[in-house]
Amino acid sequence: MRYYIADLHFYHRTLNEHMDCRGFASVEDMNAYMIEQWNKKVNKNDEVVILGDFCWGNAQQTQEILEQLKGRLYLIVGNHDRFLEDKKFDASRFVWIKHYAELNENRRKVVLSHYPIACYNGQYRKDENGNPKTYMLHGHIHKTQDQALIDSFEEFVKNQTHVSIGGEIENIPCHFINCFCMYSDYQPMTLDEWLEIDKKRKNKEL
């Protein structure tokens, strides 16, 4: 099984108390809860792609967190992953560390970046039933005004038209999925689970 998650921000005290207002009594409580939630979902051989901003701690603190998490881990680099700059950090817990990646996901493609990409590769591709074949998975924006801006941009693009390869006029596909950890109660989720979470969020069911 392959899961995705973004912006966990282990050890980020200020973010807990202010920007995200996560509500934990301490950063230690936040760390413990996120580890517990992760390990409830993920098994030893599952893959987890972290879409950036994994940990605000130093190399040793990050190492200690990684040792407690199940799964085979992959990291898309975020702007707050400063532990990567420390020469003492042992990156062997990650299968790979990249700034950008594209993966196949059950005959679909996921474009992976910490930051949402406005015009992502494969955006116009659909399957034989007219369903999207490519999704843009990202993090970075948390649950902020930027989320509303991305939602508005996505809706705007979907209302535009273009001429398809077959010569038909059709609406432009556009599918951003913000894998922000608070949307999933700090659990990594599959692509299909994130699609359902995103649908519920946009319908204001979350």
N, C-alpha and C. Protein backbone atom coordinates (compact mmCIF):
# COMPACT_ATOMS: atom_id res chain seq x y z
N MET A 1 0.85 -1.20 0.00
CA MET A 1 0.00 0.00 0.00
C MET A 1 0.88 1.25 0.00
N ARG A 2 0.44 2.27 -0.73
CA ARG A 2 1.20 3.52 -0.76
C ARG A 2 0.34 4.65 -0.19
N TYR A 3 0.96 5.40 0.71
CA TYR A 3 0.28 6.50 1.37
C TYR A 3 1.02 7.82 1.12
N TYR A 4 0.30 8.93 1.37
CA TYR A 4 0.86 10.27 1.21
C TYR A 4 0.47 11.12 2.42
N ILE A 5 1.35 12.08 2.77
CA ILE A 5 1.04 13.02 3.84
C ILE A 5 2.00 14.21 3.74
N ALA A 6 1.57 15.37 4.22
CA ALA A 6 2.39 16.58 4.13
C ALA A 6 2.34 17.40 5.42
N ASP A 7 3.41 18.14 5.65
CA ASP A 7 3.46 19.21 6.66
C ASP A 7 3.20 18.72 8.08
N LEU A 8 3.86 17.64 8.46
CA LEU A 8 3.72 17.16 9.84
C LEU A 8 4.38 18.12 10.83
N HIS A 9 5.52 18.68 10.46
CA HIS A 9 6.21 19.66 11.30
C HIS A 9 6.47 19.14 12.72
N PHE A 10 7.03 17.96 12.84
CA PHE A 10 7.46 17.49 14.15
C PHE A 10 8.36 18.54 14.80
N TYR A 11 8.20 18.72 16.09
CA TYR A 11 9.01 19.64 16.91
C TYR A 11 8.76 21.12 16.63
N HIS A 12 7.75 21.46 15.83
CA HIS A 12 7.53 22.87 15.50
C HIS A 12 6.55 23.49 16.50
N ARG A 13 7.10 23.98 17.59
CA ARG A 13 6.29 24.48 18.71
C ARG A 13 5.43 25.69 18.30
N THR A 14 6.04 26.64 17.61
CA THR A 14 5.31 27.85 17.22
C THR A 14 4.13 27.53 16.32
N LEU A 15 4.31 26.59 15.42
CA LEU A 15 3.24 26.21 14.52
C LEU A 15 2.07 25.58 15.30
N ASN A 16 2.39 24.76 16.29
CA ASN A 16 1.34 24.16 17.12
C ASN A 16 0.52 25.21 17.84
N GLU A 17 1.20 26.22 18.35
CA GLU A 17 0.55 27.22 19.20
C GLU A 17 -0.08 28.37 18.42
N HIS A 18 0.40 28.63 17.20
CA HIS A 18 -0.07 29.81 16.48
C HIS A 18 -0.63 29.49 15.09
N MET A 19 0.23 29.32 14.09
CA MET A 19 -0.25 29.22 12.70
C MET A 19 -1.34 28.17 12.52
N ASP A 20 -1.05 26.93 12.87
CA ASP A 20 -2.05 25.87 12.72
C ASP A 20 -2.99 25.79 13.91
N CYS A 21 -2.54 26.29 15.06
CA CYS A 21 -3.34 26.20 16.30
C CYS A 21 -3.82 24.76 16.50
N ARG A 22 -2.87 23.83 16.53
CA ARG A 22 -3.22 22.41 16.59
C ARG A 22 -3.83 22.01 17.93
N GLY A 23 -3.54 22.76 18.97
CA GLY A 23 -4.23 22.54 20.24
C GLY A 23 -3.59 21.54 21.18
N PHE A 24 -2.38 21.07 20.87
CA PHE A 24 -1.71 20.16 21.79
C PHE A 24 -1.11 20.94 22.96
N ALA A 25 -1.07 20.31 24.11
CA ALA A 25 -0.55 20.97 25.31
C ALA A 25 0.93 21.30 25.18
N SER A 26 1.65 20.50 24.42
CA SER A 26 3.08 20.71 24.23
C SER A 26 3.50 20.10 22.90
N VAL A 27 4.69 20.48 22.44
CA VAL A 27 5.19 19.90 21.19
C VAL A 27 5.48 18.41 21.36
N GLU A 28 5.81 18.01 22.59
CA GLU A 28 6.03 16.60 22.86
C GLU A 28 4.74 15.80 22.71
N ASP A 29 3.63 16.37 23.19
CA ASP A 29 2.32 15.72 23.02
C ASP A 29 1.95 15.63 21.54
N MET A 30 2.25 16.68 20.80
CA MET A 30 1.97 16.69 19.37
C MET A 30 2.76 15.59 18.66
N ASN A 31 4.06 15.52 18.96
CA ASN A 31 4.89 14.48 18.35
C ASN A 31 4.36 13.09 18.65
N ALA A 32 4.03 12.84 19.91
CA ALA A 32 3.57 11.51 20.33
C ALA A 32 2.27 11.13 19.63
N TYR A 33 1.35 12.09 19.51
CA TYR A 33 0.07 11.80 18.86
C TYR A 33 0.26 11.50 17.38
N MET A 34 1.11 12.26 16.71
CA MET A 34 1.33 12.05 15.29
C MET A 34 2.00 10.70 15.03
N ILE A 35 2.93 10.30 15.89
CA ILE A 35 3.56 8.99 15.75
C ILE A 35 2.53 7.88 15.95
N GLU A 36 1.69 8.05 16.96
CA GLU A 36 0.64 7.05 17.23
C GLU A 36 -0.32 6.92 16.06
N GLN A 37 -0.77 8.04 15.51
CA GLN A 37 -1.70 8.02 14.39
C GLN A 37 -1.06 7.38 13.16
N TRP A 38 0.18 7.71 12.92
CA TRP A 38 0.92 7.14 11.78
C TRP A 38 0.95 5.63 11.89
N ASN A 39 1.39 5.12 13.05
CA ASN A 39 1.60 3.68 13.23
C ASN A 39 0.30 2.88 13.33
N LYS A 40 -0.81 3.54 13.59
CA LYS A 40 -2.12 2.87 13.53
C LYS A 40 -2.48 2.51 12.09
N LYS A 41 -1.98 3.33 11.16
CA LYS A 41 -2.37 3.20 9.76
C LYS A 41 -1.36 2.41 8.92
N VAL A 42 -0.10 2.66 9.17
CA VAL A 42 0.97 2.18 8.31
C VAL A 42 1.55 0.87 8.83
N ASN A 43 1.76 -0.07 7.92
CA ASN A 43 2.44 -1.32 8.24
C ASN A 43 3.89 -1.27 7.79
N LYS A 44 4.65 -2.24 8.22
CA LYS A 44 6.10 -2.27 7.99
C LYS A 44 6.47 -2.11 6.52
N ASN A 45 5.77 -2.79 5.62
CA ASN A 45 6.15 -2.79 4.21
C ASN A 45 5.39 -1.78 3.36
N ASP A 46 4.54 -0.97 3.97
CA ASP A 46 3.84 0.08 3.24
C ASP A 46 4.81 1.18 2.84
N GLU A 47 4.47 1.88 1.75
CA GLU A 47 5.26 3.04 1.32
C GLU A 47 4.55 4.31 1.77
N VAL A 48 5.32 5.26 2.28
CA VAL A 48 4.76 6.56 2.65
C VAL A 48 5.58 7.66 2.01
N VAL A 49 4.93 8.46 1.17
CA VAL A 49 5.58 9.62 0.56
C VAL A 49 5.25 10.85 1.39
N ILE A 50 6.27 11.47 1.96
CA ILE A 50 6.10 12.67 2.77
C ILE A 50 6.33 13.87 1.87
N LEU A 51 5.31 14.72 1.73
CA LEU A 51 5.37 15.84 0.78
C LEU A 51 5.92 17.11 1.43
N GLY A 52 7.00 16.95 2.16
CA GLY A 52 7.72 18.11 2.68
C GLY A 52 7.33 18.56 4.07
N ASP A 53 8.24 19.34 4.66
CA ASP A 53 8.09 19.89 6.02
C ASP A 53 7.79 18.78 7.02
N PHE A 54 8.68 17.80 7.04
CA PHE A 54 8.53 16.67 7.94
C PHE A 54 8.86 17.02 9.38
N CYS A 55 9.99 17.70 9.58
CA CYS A 55 10.43 17.93 10.96
C CYS A 55 11.20 19.24 11.09
N TRP A 56 10.90 19.97 12.14
CA TRP A 56 11.56 21.24 12.46
C TRP A 56 12.74 21.01 13.41
N GLY A 57 12.90 19.78 13.89
CA GLY A 57 13.96 19.47 14.85
C GLY A 57 15.32 19.35 14.19
N ASN A 58 16.33 19.15 15.03
CA ASN A 58 17.69 18.98 14.51
C ASN A 58 17.87 17.55 14.00
N ALA A 59 19.09 17.24 13.58
CA ALA A 59 19.36 15.92 12.99
C ALA A 59 19.05 14.79 13.95
N GLN A 60 19.48 14.91 15.21
CA GLN A 60 19.25 13.85 16.18
C GLN A 60 17.76 13.68 16.49
N GLN A 61 17.06 14.80 16.69
CA GLN A 61 15.63 14.73 16.98
C GLN A 61 14.86 14.11 15.81
N THR A 62 15.23 14.48 14.59
CA THR A 62 14.58 13.93 13.40
C THR A 62 14.84 12.43 13.30
N GLN A 63 16.08 12.04 13.58
CA GLN A 63 16.44 10.63 13.54
C GLN A 63 15.60 9.81 14.52
N GLU A 64 15.40 10.36 15.72
CA GLU A 64 14.62 9.67 16.74
C GLU A 64 13.16 9.50 16.32
N ILE A 65 12.61 10.51 15.64
CA ILE A 65 11.24 10.40 15.12
C ILE A 65 11.17 9.32 14.05
N LEU A 66 12.11 9.36 13.11
CA LEU A 66 12.11 8.41 11.99
C LEU A 66 12.20 6.97 12.47
N GLU A 67 12.95 6.74 13.53
CA GLU A 67 13.12 5.39 14.06
C GLU A 67 11.82 4.81 14.62
N GLN A 68 10.87 5.69 14.95
CA GLN A 68 9.62 5.25 15.55
C GLN A 68 8.50 5.03 14.54
N LEU A 69 8.72 5.43 13.29
CA LEU A 69 7.66 5.36 12.28
C LEU A 69 7.77 4.10 11.44
N LYS A 70 6.65 3.46 11.20
CA LYS A 70 6.61 2.27 10.35
C LYS A 70 6.63 2.67 8.87
N GLY A 71 6.99 1.70 8.03
CA GLY A 71 6.89 1.90 6.60
C GLY A 71 8.21 2.19 5.92
N ARG A 72 8.17 2.15 4.59
CA ARG A 72 9.29 2.54 3.74
C ARG A 72 9.04 3.99 3.33
N LEU A 73 9.96 4.88 3.69
CA LEU A 73 9.70 6.32 3.60
C LEU A 73 10.41 6.97 2.42
N TYR A 74 9.68 7.92 1.81
CA TYR A 74 10.18 8.71 0.69
C TYR A 74 9.92 10.17 1.04
N LEU A 75 10.87 11.05 0.72
CA LEU A 75 10.72 12.46 1.10
C LEU A 75 10.81 13.39 -0.09
N ILE A 76 9.76 14.17 -0.28
CA ILE A 76 9.80 15.35 -1.15
C ILE A 76 10.20 16.52 -0.25
N VAL A 77 11.26 17.21 -0.61
CA VAL A 77 11.84 18.22 0.27
C VAL A 77 10.93 19.44 0.40
N GLY A 78 10.72 19.87 1.65
CA GLY A 78 9.96 21.09 1.93
C GLY A 78 10.88 22.21 2.38
N ASN A 79 10.35 23.40 2.48
CA ASN A 79 11.17 24.55 2.85
C ASN A 79 11.58 24.57 4.32
N HIS A 80 10.96 23.73 5.14
CA HIS A 80 11.32 23.69 6.56
C HIS A 80 12.10 22.43 6.95
N ASP A 81 12.53 21.65 6.00
CA ASP A 81 13.27 20.43 6.32
C ASP A 81 14.76 20.74 6.50
N ARG A 82 15.04 21.58 7.49
CA ARG A 82 16.40 22.07 7.70
C ARG A 82 17.35 20.98 8.21
N PHE A 83 16.82 19.87 8.72
CA PHE A 83 17.67 18.78 9.19
C PHE A 83 18.52 18.21 8.07
N LEU A 84 18.07 18.37 6.82
CA LEU A 84 18.82 17.85 5.68
C LEU A 84 20.14 18.59 5.47
N GLU A 85 20.24 19.79 6.03
CA GLU A 85 21.47 20.58 5.88
C GLU A 85 22.54 20.17 6.87
N ASP A 86 22.17 19.36 7.86
CA ASP A 86 23.11 18.92 8.89
C ASP A 86 23.88 17.69 8.40
N LYS A 87 25.19 17.79 8.33
CA LYS A 87 26.02 16.69 7.84
C LYS A 87 25.93 15.46 8.74
N LYS A 88 25.46 15.64 9.97
CA LYS A 88 25.34 14.52 10.90
C LYS A 88 24.07 13.69 10.64
N PHE A 89 23.17 14.23 9.83
CA PHE A 89 21.92 13.52 9.59
C PHE A 89 22.15 12.30 8.72
N ASP A 90 21.62 11.16 9.14
CA ASP A 90 21.70 9.91 8.39
C ASP A 90 20.42 9.75 7.58
N ALA A 91 20.53 9.90 6.28
CA ALA A 91 19.35 9.89 5.39
C ALA A 91 18.94 8.49 4.97
N SER A 92 19.57 7.45 5.52
CA SER A 92 19.32 6.09 5.05
C SER A 92 17.91 5.59 5.34
N ARG A 93 17.20 6.24 6.24
CA ARG A 93 15.81 5.84 6.54
C ARG A 93 14.89 6.12 5.36
N PHE A 94 15.29 7.03 4.49
CA PHE A 94 14.50 7.35 3.30
C PHE A 94 14.99 6.53 2.10
N VAL A 95 14.04 5.96 1.36
CA VAL A 95 14.39 5.26 0.13
C VAL A 95 14.99 6.25 -0.87
N TRP A 96 14.34 7.40 -0.98
CA TRP A 96 14.92 8.51 -1.75
C TRP A 96 14.44 9.85 -1.19
N ILE A 97 15.21 10.89 -1.52
CA ILE A 97 14.88 12.27 -1.16
C ILE A 97 14.95 13.09 -2.44
N LYS A 98 13.83 13.71 -2.82
CA LYS A 98 13.77 14.48 -4.06
C LYS A 98 12.99 15.78 -3.84
N HIS A 99 13.20 16.72 -4.74
CA HIS A 99 12.41 17.95 -4.72
C HIS A 99 11.13 17.81 -5.54
N TYR A 100 11.11 16.82 -6.43
CA TYR A 100 9.98 16.64 -7.34
C TYR A 100 9.98 15.19 -7.80
N ALA A 101 8.79 14.63 -7.97
CA ALA A 101 8.72 13.26 -8.48
C ALA A 101 7.37 13.03 -9.16
N GLU A 102 7.33 12.02 -10.04
CA GLU A 102 6.09 11.56 -10.66
C GLU A 102 6.04 10.05 -10.48
N LEU A 103 4.91 9.54 -9.99
CA LEU A 103 4.76 8.11 -9.74
C LEU A 103 3.49 7.59 -10.41
N ASN A 104 3.49 6.32 -10.77
CA ASN A 104 2.29 5.66 -11.26
C ASN A 104 1.48 5.13 -10.09
N GLU A 105 0.18 5.27 -10.19
CA GLU A 105 -0.71 4.91 -9.08
C GLU A 105 -1.97 4.27 -9.64
N ASN A 106 -1.94 2.92 -9.82
CA ASN A 106 -3.10 2.19 -10.33
C ASN A 106 -3.63 2.81 -11.63
N ARG A 107 -2.77 2.87 -12.64
CA ARG A 107 -3.09 3.40 -13.98
C ARG A 107 -3.36 4.90 -13.97
N ARG A 108 -2.98 5.55 -12.89
CA ARG A 108 -3.04 7.01 -12.81
C ARG A 108 -1.64 7.52 -12.50
N LYS A 109 -1.45 8.82 -12.67
CA LYS A 109 -0.16 9.41 -12.34
C LYS A 109 -0.36 10.45 -11.24
N VAL A 110 0.59 10.48 -10.31
CA VAL A 110 0.60 11.53 -9.30
C VAL A 110 1.86 12.36 -9.50
N VAL A 111 1.67 13.66 -9.55
CA VAL A 111 2.77 14.62 -9.62
C VAL A 111 3.01 15.10 -8.19
N LEU A 112 4.23 14.97 -7.71
CA LEU A 112 4.53 15.21 -6.30
C LEU A 112 5.49 16.38 -6.13
N SER A 113 5.05 17.37 -5.36
CA SER A 113 5.88 18.54 -5.06
C SER A 113 5.42 19.11 -3.73
N HIS A 114 6.34 19.70 -2.99
CA HIS A 114 5.91 20.35 -1.75
C HIS A 114 4.97 21.51 -2.07
N TYR A 115 5.27 22.19 -3.16
CA TYR A 115 4.49 23.37 -3.56
C TYR A 115 3.50 23.02 -4.67
N PRO A 116 2.28 23.54 -4.63
CA PRO A 116 1.33 23.29 -5.72
C PRO A 116 1.84 23.90 -7.03
N ILE A 117 1.75 23.12 -8.10
CA ILE A 117 2.23 23.56 -9.42
C ILE A 117 1.01 23.87 -10.29
N ALA A 118 0.93 25.09 -10.77
CA ALA A 118 -0.26 25.56 -11.48
C ALA A 118 -0.55 24.75 -12.73
N CYS A 119 0.46 24.52 -13.55
CA CYS A 119 0.27 23.78 -14.80
C CYS A 119 1.16 22.54 -14.73
N TYR A 120 0.64 21.47 -14.16
CA TYR A 120 1.45 20.29 -13.89
C TYR A 120 1.45 19.32 -15.07
N ASN A 121 2.47 18.50 -15.14
CA ASN A 121 2.65 17.55 -16.24
C ASN A 121 1.52 16.52 -16.26
N GLY A 122 0.93 16.31 -17.43
CA GLY A 122 -0.14 15.33 -17.57
C GLY A 122 -1.51 15.82 -17.16
N GLN A 123 -1.63 17.10 -16.93
CA GLN A 123 -2.90 17.68 -16.42
C GLN A 123 -4.09 17.37 -17.33
N TYR A 124 -3.88 17.34 -18.64
CA TYR A 124 -4.99 17.21 -19.58
C TYR A 124 -5.39 15.76 -19.87
N ARG A 125 -4.66 14.82 -19.30
CA ARG A 125 -4.90 13.41 -19.64
C ARG A 125 -6.13 12.86 -18.92
N LYS A 126 -6.94 12.11 -19.66
CA LYS A 126 -8.12 11.44 -19.11
C LYS A 126 -8.14 9.99 -19.55
N ASP A 127 -8.85 9.13 -18.81
CA ASP A 127 -8.97 7.74 -19.24
C ASP A 127 -10.14 7.59 -20.21
N GLU A 128 -10.42 6.35 -20.60
CA GLU A 128 -11.47 6.11 -21.60
C GLU A 128 -12.86 6.50 -21.12
N ASN A 129 -13.02 6.64 -19.80
CA ASN A 129 -14.32 7.05 -19.25
C ASN A 129 -14.40 8.54 -18.94
N GLY A 130 -13.35 9.27 -19.31
CA GLY A 130 -13.35 10.70 -19.08
C GLY A 130 -12.88 11.11 -17.70
N ASN A 131 -12.37 10.15 -16.91
CA ASN A 131 -11.87 10.46 -15.58
C ASN A 131 -10.42 10.95 -15.65
N PRO A 132 -10.01 11.81 -14.73
CA PRO A 132 -8.63 12.31 -14.76
C PRO A 132 -7.62 11.18 -14.55
N LYS A 133 -6.50 11.28 -15.26
CA LYS A 133 -5.44 10.29 -15.11
C LYS A 133 -4.25 10.84 -14.34
N THR A 134 -4.29 12.13 -14.01
CA THR A 134 -3.17 12.77 -13.31
C THR A 134 -3.69 13.67 -12.19
N TYR A 135 -3.01 13.60 -11.05
CA TYR A 135 -3.35 14.44 -9.89
C TYR A 135 -2.10 15.13 -9.38
N MET A 136 -2.27 16.37 -8.96
CA MET A 136 -1.17 17.16 -8.39
C MET A 136 -1.27 17.08 -6.87
N LEU A 137 -0.37 16.32 -6.24
CA LEU A 137 -0.35 16.18 -4.78
C LEU A 137 0.72 17.10 -4.20
N HIS A 138 0.36 17.84 -3.17
CA HIS A 138 1.27 18.85 -2.63
C HIS A 138 1.01 19.06 -1.14
N GLY A 139 1.78 19.96 -0.59
CA GLY A 139 1.59 20.41 0.79
C GLY A 139 1.76 21.92 0.84
N HIS A 140 2.52 22.38 1.83
CA HIS A 140 2.99 23.76 1.96
C HIS A 140 1.97 24.78 2.45
N ILE A 141 0.75 24.74 1.93
CA ILE A 141 -0.18 25.84 2.20
C ILE A 141 -1.00 25.63 3.48
N HIS A 142 -0.93 24.44 4.08
CA HIS A 142 -1.69 24.14 5.30
C HIS A 142 -3.17 24.46 5.09
N LYS A 143 -3.84 24.90 6.14
CA LYS A 143 -5.25 25.31 6.04
C LYS A 143 -5.28 26.82 6.24
N THR A 144 -4.91 27.55 5.19
CA THR A 144 -4.75 28.99 5.27
C THR A 144 -5.53 29.66 4.13
N GLN A 145 -5.35 30.95 4.01
CA GLN A 145 -5.98 31.68 2.91
C GLN A 145 -5.53 31.12 1.57
N ASP A 146 -4.29 30.61 1.53
CA ASP A 146 -3.77 30.05 0.29
C ASP A 146 -4.58 28.85 -0.17
N GLN A 147 -5.16 28.09 0.78
CA GLN A 147 -6.02 26.97 0.39
C GLN A 147 -7.23 27.47 -0.38
N ALA A 148 -7.84 28.55 0.10
CA ALA A 148 -8.99 29.13 -0.59
C ALA A 148 -8.59 29.64 -1.98
N LEU A 149 -7.38 30.20 -2.09
CA LEU A 149 -6.91 30.70 -3.38
C LEU A 149 -6.69 29.55 -4.38
N ILE A 150 -6.10 28.46 -3.90
CA ILE A 150 -5.88 27.30 -4.76
C ILE A 150 -7.22 26.70 -5.19
N ASP A 151 -8.18 26.62 -4.26
CA ASP A 151 -9.51 26.11 -4.60
C ASP A 151 -10.17 26.96 -5.67
N SER A 152 -10.03 28.28 -5.54
CA SER A 152 -10.63 29.20 -6.52
C SER A 152 -9.96 29.05 -7.88
N PHE A 153 -8.63 28.92 -7.87
CA PHE A 153 -7.90 28.74 -9.12
C PHE A 153 -8.32 27.44 -9.81
N GLU A 154 -8.43 26.36 -9.03
CA GLU A 154 -8.83 25.07 -9.59
C GLU A 154 -10.22 25.17 -10.22
N GLU A 155 -11.14 25.81 -9.54
CA GLU A 155 -12.50 25.96 -10.07
C GLU A 155 -12.50 26.80 -11.35
N PHE A 156 -11.68 27.86 -11.35
CA PHE A 156 -11.58 28.71 -12.53
C PHE A 156 -11.08 27.91 -13.73
N VAL A 157 -10.01 27.14 -13.54
CA VAL A 157 -9.44 26.36 -14.64
C VAL A 157 -10.44 25.33 -15.16
N LYS A 158 -11.15 24.67 -14.26
CA LYS A 158 -12.11 23.65 -14.66
C LYS A 158 -13.25 24.23 -15.50
N ASN A 159 -13.48 25.51 -15.38
CA ASN A 159 -14.54 26.16 -16.15
C ASN A 159 -14.05 26.70 -17.50
N GLN A 160 -12.76 26.51 -17.78
CA GLN A 160 -12.21 26.91 -19.08
C GLN A 160 -12.26 25.71 -20.03
N THR A 161 -12.22 25.98 -21.31
CA THR A 161 -12.28 24.90 -22.30
C THR A 161 -11.03 24.88 -23.18
N HIS A 162 -10.81 23.74 -23.82
CA HIS A 162 -9.72 23.59 -24.79
C HIS A 162 -10.16 22.55 -25.82
N VAL A 163 -9.41 22.47 -26.89
CA VAL A 163 -9.69 21.48 -27.93
C VAL A 163 -8.88 20.23 -27.60
N SER A 164 -9.56 19.11 -27.41
CA SER A 164 -8.90 17.86 -27.07
C SER A 164 -8.14 17.30 -28.27
N ILE A 165 -7.36 16.24 -28.04
CA ILE A 165 -6.62 15.59 -29.12
C ILE A 165 -7.59 15.07 -30.19
N GLY A 166 -8.78 14.66 -29.75
CA GLY A 166 -9.79 14.17 -30.69
C GLY A 166 -10.55 15.27 -31.40
N GLY A 167 -10.20 16.54 -31.11
CA GLY A 167 -10.85 17.67 -31.78
C GLY A 167 -12.12 18.15 -31.11
N GLU A 168 -12.42 17.64 -29.93
CA GLU A 168 -13.63 18.04 -29.22
C GLU A 168 -13.35 19.20 -28.25
N ILE A 169 -14.35 20.03 -28.05
CA ILE A 169 -14.25 21.09 -27.05
C ILE A 169 -14.62 20.49 -25.70
N GLU A 170 -13.71 20.63 -24.73
CA GLU A 170 -14.00 20.07 -23.41
C GLU A 170 -13.40 20.95 -22.32
N ASN A 171 -13.91 20.78 -21.11
CA ASN A 171 -13.37 21.53 -19.98
C ASN A 171 -11.97 21.04 -19.63
N ILE A 172 -11.16 21.93 -19.11
CA ILE A 172 -9.78 21.60 -18.75
C ILE A 172 -9.75 20.89 -17.40
N PRO A 173 -9.14 19.73 -17.33
CA PRO A 173 -9.00 19.05 -16.04
C PRO A 173 -8.05 19.82 -15.12
N CYS A 174 -8.32 19.79 -13.84
CA CYS A 174 -7.44 20.44 -12.86
C CYS A 174 -7.72 19.80 -11.51
N HIS A 175 -6.73 19.15 -10.93
CA HIS A 175 -6.97 18.39 -9.70
C HIS A 175 -5.80 18.53 -8.74
N PHE A 176 -5.91 19.50 -7.84
CA PHE A 176 -4.94 19.67 -6.77
C PHE A 176 -5.43 18.93 -5.52
N ILE A 177 -4.53 18.20 -4.87
CA ILE A 177 -4.86 17.55 -3.62
C ILE A 177 -3.84 18.00 -2.57
N ASN A 178 -4.29 18.78 -1.60
CA ASN A 178 -3.44 19.22 -0.50
C ASN A 178 -3.45 18.12 0.57
N CYS A 179 -2.33 17.43 0.72
CA CYS A 179 -2.25 16.30 1.66
C CYS A 179 -1.86 16.76 3.07
N PHE A 180 -2.39 17.90 3.47
CA PHE A 180 -2.09 18.48 4.78
C PHE A 180 -2.51 17.54 5.90
N CYS A 181 -1.60 17.27 6.81
CA CYS A 181 -1.81 16.24 7.83
C CYS A 181 -3.04 16.46 8.71
N MET A 182 -3.41 17.71 8.95
CA MET A 182 -4.57 17.96 9.82
C MET A 182 -5.87 17.54 9.15
N TYR A 183 -5.90 17.51 7.82
CA TYR A 183 -7.12 17.07 7.11
C TYR A 183 -7.39 15.59 7.34
N SER A 184 -6.34 14.82 7.64
CA SER A 184 -6.49 13.37 7.81
C SER A 184 -6.25 12.93 9.25
N ASP A 185 -6.33 13.88 10.18
CA ASP A 185 -6.03 13.61 11.59
C ASP A 185 -4.67 12.96 11.74
N TYR A 186 -3.71 13.49 10.99
CA TYR A 186 -2.29 13.13 11.09
C TYR A 186 -1.98 11.71 10.63
N GLN A 187 -2.85 11.12 9.83
CA GLN A 187 -2.58 9.80 9.29
C GLN A 187 -2.26 9.87 7.80
N PRO A 188 -1.22 9.17 7.34
CA PRO A 188 -0.99 9.06 5.90
C PRO A 188 -2.19 8.38 5.24
N MET A 189 -2.52 8.81 4.02
CA MET A 189 -3.68 8.28 3.31
C MET A 189 -3.31 7.87 1.89
N THR A 190 -4.08 6.94 1.32
CA THR A 190 -3.91 6.55 -0.07
C THR A 190 -4.43 7.68 -0.98
N LEU A 191 -4.13 7.57 -2.26
CA LEU A 191 -4.65 8.55 -3.22
C LEU A 191 -6.17 8.59 -3.17
N ASP A 192 -6.81 7.44 -3.19
CA ASP A 192 -8.28 7.42 -3.18
C ASP A 192 -8.84 7.99 -1.89
N GLU A 193 -8.17 7.75 -0.78
CA GLU A 193 -8.62 8.33 0.48
C GLU A 193 -8.47 9.84 0.47
N TRP A 194 -7.36 10.33 -0.11
CA TRP A 194 -7.19 11.79 -0.21
C TRP A 194 -8.23 12.41 -1.15
N LEU A 195 -8.59 11.71 -2.21
CA LEU A 195 -9.63 12.23 -3.10
C LEU A 195 -10.95 12.37 -2.36
N GLU A 196 -11.26 11.43 -1.51
CA GLU A 196 -12.50 11.50 -0.73
C GLU A 196 -12.43 12.61 0.32
N ILE A 197 -11.29 12.75 0.97
CA ILE A 197 -11.11 13.83 1.95
C ILE A 197 -11.24 15.18 1.27
N ASP A 198 -10.61 15.31 0.09
CA ASP A 198 -10.67 16.58 -0.65
C ASP A 198 -12.10 16.90 -1.06
N LYS A 199 -12.84 15.90 -1.49
CA LYS A 199 -14.24 16.09 -1.88
C LYS A 199 -15.07 16.57 -0.69
N LYS A 200 -14.91 15.91 0.45
CA LYS A 200 -15.65 16.29 1.66
C LYS A 200 -15.27 17.69 2.13
N ARG A 201 -13.96 18.02 2.04
CA ARG A 201 -13.53 19.36 2.45
C ARG A 201 -14.18 20.43 1.60
N LYS A 202 -14.18 20.20 0.28
CA LYS A 202 -14.75 21.20 -0.61
C LYS A 202 -16.27 21.30 -0.46
N ASN A 203 -16.90 20.22 -0.03
CA ASN A 203 -18.33 20.24 0.25
C ASN A 203 -18.65 20.69 1.67
N LYS A 204 -17.57 21.11 2.37
CA LYS A 204 -17.69 21.60 3.76
C LYS A 204 -18.25 20.55 4.69
N GLU A 205 -17.91 19.28 4.42
CA GLU A 205 -18.31 18.18 5.29
C GLU A 205 -17.27 17.87 6.34
N LEU A 206 -16.10 18.51 6.23
CA LEU A 206 -15.03 18.31 7.21
C LEU A 206 -14.88 19.55 8.07
